[in-house]
Structure formats: C-alpha cells, structure tokens
Amino acid sequence: MPDTDAHAARLRKLTFRASRRGFLEADLILGPFARNHIAELEPATLDEFERLLDVPDQDLYGWIVGLKPTPDEWETPLVQRLRAFRLEAFAARTATA
C-alpha cells in the first residue's frame, strides 16, 4: 500500500502542475480535470497523466481540442477522457450562459 502522505503530496503536485503550465488554454482544461478526477485515477493512469504533463503545451492542447493529430502512443483512454471532459465543461458553461 502506498504511503498515504506521499501519495497525497504527489496528487497536490500534479494538480498544481496541471493548473499552472503557463499556457492558459491548457490550464483551463487540465487544472479542472485534475481537481475533479486525479484522486480517482488508477496508479498506471496517474503515471500516464504525469508523463502527459511533460508534453509541450501546444501539442497537448492541440490533441485535446483536435487541432493536431494525436500520436498513436498518446491515443489513450486518458487523452480521450480529457477530450470528453473538455466538451462536457464547455457544454456546462454554455448551458448556464
């Protein structure tokens, strides 16, 4: 069983990294996704999310919004989940506007 304090610290660090990438458009997708879903990710998916945060902002954002083709190695359930999260968040914002 992982050290609870270390795991909680890792989740906080990843949430911070997802929220403050320096590219506002990516921050507005990745930060809320992390705040809402990071605690429920399986360990392997959490590792993938951490690696995904190392991808350059413009590439990652492009994959999520469909401006760039996603490389095969990144066409994963996590990236698909990020795309769905983005669309759901957009739909929720426009429904209340």
N, C-alpha and C. Protein backbone atom coordinates (compact mmCIF):
# COMPACT_ATOMS: atom_id res chain seq x y z
N MET A 1 0.85 -1.19 0.00
CA MET A 1 0.00 0.00 0.00
C MET A 1 0.89 1.25 0.00
N PRO A 2 0.62 2.20 -0.88
CA PRO A 2 1.49 3.38 -0.96
C PRO A 2 1.39 4.23 0.30
N ASP A 3 2.46 4.94 0.60
CA ASP A 3 2.47 5.88 1.72
C ASP A 3 1.41 6.95 1.45
N THR A 4 0.44 7.06 2.33
CA THR A 4 -0.68 7.96 2.12
C THR A 4 -0.24 9.41 2.00
N ASP A 5 0.70 9.84 2.86
CA ASP A 5 1.18 11.22 2.80
C ASP A 5 1.92 11.48 1.49
N ALA A 6 2.73 10.55 1.06
CA ALA A 6 3.47 10.71 -0.19
C ALA A 6 2.51 10.74 -1.38
N HIS A 7 1.50 9.89 -1.33
CA HIS A 7 0.52 9.86 -2.43
C HIS A 7 -0.26 11.18 -2.48
N ALA A 8 -0.69 11.66 -1.34
CA ALA A 8 -1.43 12.94 -1.29
C ALA A 8 -0.55 14.08 -1.79
N ALA A 9 0.72 14.07 -1.43
CA ALA A 9 1.64 15.11 -1.90
C ALA A 9 1.81 15.02 -3.42
N ARG A 10 1.88 13.81 -3.94
CA ARG A 10 2.00 13.64 -5.39
C ARG A 10 0.77 14.19 -6.10
N LEU A 11 -0.41 13.91 -5.57
CA LEU A 11 -1.65 14.41 -6.18
C LEU A 11 -1.68 15.93 -6.17
N ARG A 12 -1.26 16.53 -5.07
CA ARG A 12 -1.22 18.00 -5.00
C ARG A 12 -0.23 18.57 -6.02
N LYS A 13 0.93 17.94 -6.12
CA LYS A 13 1.94 18.41 -7.06
C LYS A 13 1.43 18.31 -8.51
N LEU A 14 0.82 17.20 -8.84
CA LEU A 14 0.31 17.02 -10.21
C LEU A 14 -0.83 17.98 -10.50
N THR A 15 -1.69 18.21 -9.53
CA THR A 15 -2.78 19.17 -9.71
C THR A 15 -2.22 20.57 -9.94
N PHE A 16 -1.22 20.93 -9.18
CA PHE A 16 -0.58 22.24 -9.35
C PHE A 16 0.04 22.34 -10.75
N ARG A 17 0.78 21.31 -11.15
CA ARG A 17 1.41 21.33 -12.49
C ARG A 17 0.37 21.42 -13.59
N ALA A 18 -0.76 20.73 -13.42
CA ALA A 18 -1.81 20.75 -14.44
C ALA A 18 -2.47 22.11 -14.52
N SER A 19 -2.51 22.82 -13.41
CA SER A 19 -3.19 24.11 -13.34
C SER A 19 -2.33 25.29 -13.74
N ARG A 20 -1.03 25.13 -13.69
CA ARG A 20 -0.12 26.25 -13.91
C ARG A 20 0.98 25.90 -14.91
N ARG A 21 0.55 25.57 -16.09
CA ARG A 21 1.50 25.18 -17.13
C ARG A 21 2.08 26.39 -17.85
N GLY A 22 1.42 27.53 -17.76
CA GLY A 22 1.89 28.72 -18.46
C GLY A 22 1.21 28.93 -19.79
N PHE A 23 0.31 28.06 -20.15
CA PHE A 23 -0.46 28.16 -21.39
C PHE A 23 -1.92 28.12 -20.97
N LEU A 24 -2.56 29.28 -20.90
CA LEU A 24 -3.86 29.43 -20.27
C LEU A 24 -4.89 28.43 -20.78
N GLU A 25 -4.94 28.22 -22.08
CA GLU A 25 -5.95 27.33 -22.65
C GLU A 25 -5.78 25.91 -22.10
N ALA A 26 -4.53 25.46 -21.98
CA ALA A 26 -4.27 24.13 -21.42
C ALA A 26 -4.59 24.11 -19.93
N ASP A 27 -4.22 25.18 -19.22
CA ASP A 27 -4.50 25.28 -17.78
C ASP A 27 -6.00 25.14 -17.50
N LEU A 28 -6.82 25.74 -18.36
CA LEU A 28 -8.26 25.75 -18.16
C LEU A 28 -8.91 24.39 -18.40
N ILE A 29 -8.20 23.49 -19.02
CA ILE A 29 -8.70 22.12 -19.21
C ILE A 29 -8.06 21.19 -18.20
N LEU A 30 -6.74 21.21 -18.13
CA LEU A 30 -6.02 20.25 -17.30
C LEU A 30 -6.20 20.50 -15.81
N GLY A 31 -6.23 21.77 -15.40
CA GLY A 31 -6.39 22.06 -13.99
C GLY A 31 -7.71 21.56 -13.43
N PRO A 32 -8.84 21.94 -14.03
CA PRO A 32 -10.12 21.43 -13.53
C PRO A 32 -10.23 19.90 -13.63
N PHE A 33 -9.68 19.33 -14.69
CA PHE A 33 -9.69 17.86 -14.79
C PHE A 33 -8.97 17.25 -13.60
N ALA A 34 -7.78 17.78 -13.30
CA ALA A 34 -7.02 17.24 -12.17
C ALA A 34 -7.78 17.44 -10.86
N ARG A 35 -8.31 18.63 -10.64
CA ARG A 35 -9.04 18.88 -9.39
C ARG A 35 -10.23 17.94 -9.23
N ASN A 36 -10.90 17.64 -10.32
CA ASN A 36 -12.11 16.81 -10.26
C ASN A 36 -11.86 15.31 -10.32
N HIS A 37 -10.76 14.88 -10.96
CA HIS A 37 -10.62 13.45 -11.25
C HIS A 37 -9.31 12.79 -10.84
N ILE A 38 -8.30 13.55 -10.47
CA ILE A 38 -7.00 12.93 -10.25
C ILE A 38 -7.02 11.89 -9.13
N ALA A 39 -7.79 12.12 -8.10
CA ALA A 39 -7.82 11.20 -6.96
C ALA A 39 -8.40 9.84 -7.33
N GLU A 40 -9.16 9.77 -8.39
CA GLU A 40 -9.79 8.50 -8.78
C GLU A 40 -9.00 7.73 -9.84
N LEU A 41 -7.90 8.30 -10.31
CA LEU A 41 -7.11 7.62 -11.35
C LEU A 41 -6.36 6.43 -10.77
N GLU A 42 -6.36 5.36 -11.53
CA GLU A 42 -5.58 4.17 -11.17
C GLU A 42 -4.09 4.53 -11.20
N PRO A 43 -3.24 3.80 -10.48
CA PRO A 43 -1.81 4.13 -10.44
C PRO A 43 -1.16 4.24 -11.82
N ALA A 44 -1.46 3.33 -12.73
CA ALA A 44 -0.86 3.40 -14.07
C ALA A 44 -1.35 4.62 -14.83
N THR A 45 -2.61 4.99 -14.67
CA THR A 45 -3.15 6.16 -15.34
C THR A 45 -2.59 7.43 -14.71
N LEU A 46 -2.36 7.41 -13.42
CA LEU A 46 -1.74 8.55 -12.75
C LEU A 46 -0.32 8.75 -13.28
N ASP A 47 0.41 7.66 -13.48
CA ASP A 47 1.75 7.74 -14.07
C ASP A 47 1.67 8.33 -15.48
N GLU A 48 0.68 7.90 -16.24
CA GLU A 48 0.50 8.41 -17.59
C GLU A 48 0.18 9.91 -17.56
N PHE A 49 -0.68 10.33 -16.63
CA PHE A 49 -1.02 11.74 -16.51
C PHE A 49 0.24 12.55 -16.21
N GLU A 50 1.09 12.02 -15.34
CA GLU A 50 2.33 12.72 -15.01
C GLU A 50 3.22 12.85 -16.25
N ARG A 51 3.34 11.80 -17.05
CA ARG A 51 4.12 11.87 -18.29
C ARG A 51 3.48 12.84 -19.29
N LEU A 52 2.17 12.85 -19.33
CA LEU A 52 1.44 13.74 -20.23
C LEU A 52 1.74 15.20 -19.91
N LEU A 53 1.94 15.51 -18.65
CA LEU A 53 2.25 16.89 -18.26
C LEU A 53 3.63 17.34 -18.75
N ASP A 54 4.45 16.41 -19.20
CA ASP A 54 5.76 16.75 -19.77
C ASP A 54 5.68 17.06 -21.26
N VAL A 55 4.54 16.79 -21.88
CA VAL A 55 4.35 17.08 -23.31
C VAL A 55 4.25 18.60 -23.48
N PRO A 56 4.87 19.16 -24.51
CA PRO A 56 4.74 20.61 -24.75
C PRO A 56 3.28 21.05 -24.82
N ASP A 57 3.01 22.21 -24.23
CA ASP A 57 1.65 22.73 -24.12
C ASP A 57 0.90 22.76 -25.44
N GLN A 58 1.52 23.31 -26.47
CA GLN A 58 0.82 23.46 -27.74
C GLN A 58 0.44 22.11 -28.33
N ASP A 59 1.29 21.11 -28.15
CA ASP A 59 0.97 19.78 -28.66
C ASP A 59 -0.19 19.17 -27.88
N LEU A 60 -0.07 19.18 -26.56
CA LEU A 60 -1.10 18.58 -25.73
C LEU A 60 -2.45 19.26 -25.94
N TYR A 61 -2.46 20.57 -25.94
CA TYR A 61 -3.70 21.31 -26.17
C TYR A 61 -4.27 20.97 -27.55
N GLY A 62 -3.41 20.92 -28.54
CA GLY A 62 -3.85 20.58 -29.90
C GLY A 62 -4.49 19.20 -29.97
N TRP A 63 -3.93 18.23 -29.25
CA TRP A 63 -4.52 16.89 -29.23
C TRP A 63 -5.89 16.90 -28.58
N ILE A 64 -6.01 17.63 -27.47
CA ILE A 64 -7.26 17.63 -26.71
C ILE A 64 -8.38 18.30 -27.49
N VAL A 65 -8.08 19.40 -28.17
CA VAL A 65 -9.14 20.12 -28.88
C VAL A 65 -9.25 19.73 -30.35
N GLY A 66 -8.38 18.85 -30.82
CA GLY A 66 -8.48 18.35 -32.18
C GLY A 66 -7.81 19.21 -33.23
N LEU A 67 -6.92 20.12 -32.80
CA LEU A 67 -6.20 20.94 -33.77
C LEU A 67 -5.00 20.22 -34.37
N LYS A 68 -4.51 19.21 -33.67
CA LYS A 68 -3.37 18.42 -34.13
C LYS A 68 -3.71 16.95 -33.99
N PRO A 69 -3.20 16.13 -34.90
CA PRO A 69 -3.42 14.69 -34.72
C PRO A 69 -2.64 14.18 -33.51
N THR A 70 -3.28 13.31 -32.77
CA THR A 70 -2.63 12.73 -31.59
C THR A 70 -1.76 11.57 -32.04
N PRO A 71 -0.48 11.57 -31.65
CA PRO A 71 0.38 10.43 -31.98
C PRO A 71 -0.21 9.14 -31.41
N ASP A 72 0.01 8.05 -32.10
CA ASP A 72 -0.56 6.77 -31.69
C ASP A 72 -0.26 6.43 -30.24
N GLU A 73 0.96 6.71 -29.79
CA GLU A 73 1.33 6.34 -28.43
C GLU A 73 0.57 7.15 -27.36
N TRP A 74 -0.02 8.26 -27.77
CA TRP A 74 -0.80 9.08 -26.84
C TRP A 74 -2.30 8.97 -27.07
N GLU A 75 -2.71 8.17 -28.03
CA GLU A 75 -4.15 7.98 -28.25
C GLU A 75 -4.62 6.93 -27.25
N THR A 76 -4.81 7.38 -26.01
CA THR A 76 -5.10 6.50 -24.89
C THR A 76 -6.45 6.87 -24.27
N PRO A 77 -6.98 5.99 -23.43
CA PRO A 77 -8.23 6.34 -22.73
C PRO A 77 -8.11 7.63 -21.92
N LEU A 78 -6.93 7.93 -21.38
CA LEU A 78 -6.77 9.16 -20.61
C LEU A 78 -6.93 10.38 -21.51
N VAL A 79 -6.31 10.40 -22.66
CA VAL A 79 -6.44 11.54 -23.57
C VAL A 79 -7.88 11.63 -24.07
N GLN A 80 -8.50 10.51 -24.33
CA GLN A 80 -9.91 10.52 -24.73
C GLN A 80 -10.78 11.07 -23.60
N ARG A 81 -10.44 10.73 -22.38
CA ARG A 81 -11.18 11.25 -21.22
C ARG A 81 -10.99 12.76 -21.08
N LEU A 82 -9.79 13.25 -21.35
CA LEU A 82 -9.54 14.69 -21.32
C LEU A 82 -10.37 15.40 -22.39
N ARG A 83 -10.46 14.81 -23.57
CA ARG A 83 -11.30 15.40 -24.62
C ARG A 83 -12.75 15.46 -24.19
N ALA A 84 -13.25 14.38 -23.63
CA ALA A 84 -14.65 14.35 -23.18
C ALA A 84 -14.87 15.37 -22.06
N PHE A 85 -13.93 15.48 -21.15
CA PHE A 85 -14.03 16.44 -20.05
C PHE A 85 -14.12 17.86 -20.61
N ARG A 86 -13.29 18.16 -21.58
CA ARG A 86 -13.31 19.50 -22.19
C ARG A 86 -14.67 19.80 -22.81
N LEU A 87 -15.23 18.84 -23.54
CA LEU A 87 -16.53 19.04 -24.17
C LEU A 87 -17.64 19.18 -23.13
N GLU A 88 -17.58 18.39 -22.07
CA GLU A 88 -18.58 18.48 -21.01
C GLU A 88 -18.50 19.82 -20.30
N ALA A 89 -17.29 20.28 -20.02
CA ALA A 89 -17.10 21.57 -19.35
C ALA A 89 -17.61 22.71 -20.23
N PHE A 90 -17.33 22.63 -21.51
CA PHE A 90 -17.81 23.66 -22.45
C PHE A 90 -19.33 23.66 -22.50
N ALA A 91 -19.92 22.48 -22.57
CA ALA A 91 -21.39 22.38 -22.62
C ALA A 91 -22.01 22.94 -21.35
N ALA A 92 -21.40 22.68 -20.21
CA ALA A 92 -21.92 23.19 -18.94
C ALA A 92 -21.83 24.71 -18.88
N ARG A 93 -20.74 25.26 -19.38
CA ARG A 93 -20.58 26.73 -19.38
C ARG A 93 -21.60 27.39 -20.29
N THR A 94 -21.82 26.82 -21.45
CA THR A 94 -22.75 27.45 -22.40
C THR A 94 -24.20 27.26 -21.96
N ALA A 95 -24.49 26.21 -21.21
CA ALA A 95 -25.85 26.00 -20.74
C ALA A 95 -26.24 27.00 -19.67
N THR A 96 -25.27 27.49 -18.92
CA THR A 96 -25.57 28.46 -17.86
C THR A 96 -25.42 29.89 -18.32
N ALA A 97 -24.94 30.08 -19.53
CA ALA A 97 -24.72 31.44 -20.04
C ALA A 97 -25.99 32.05 -20.61
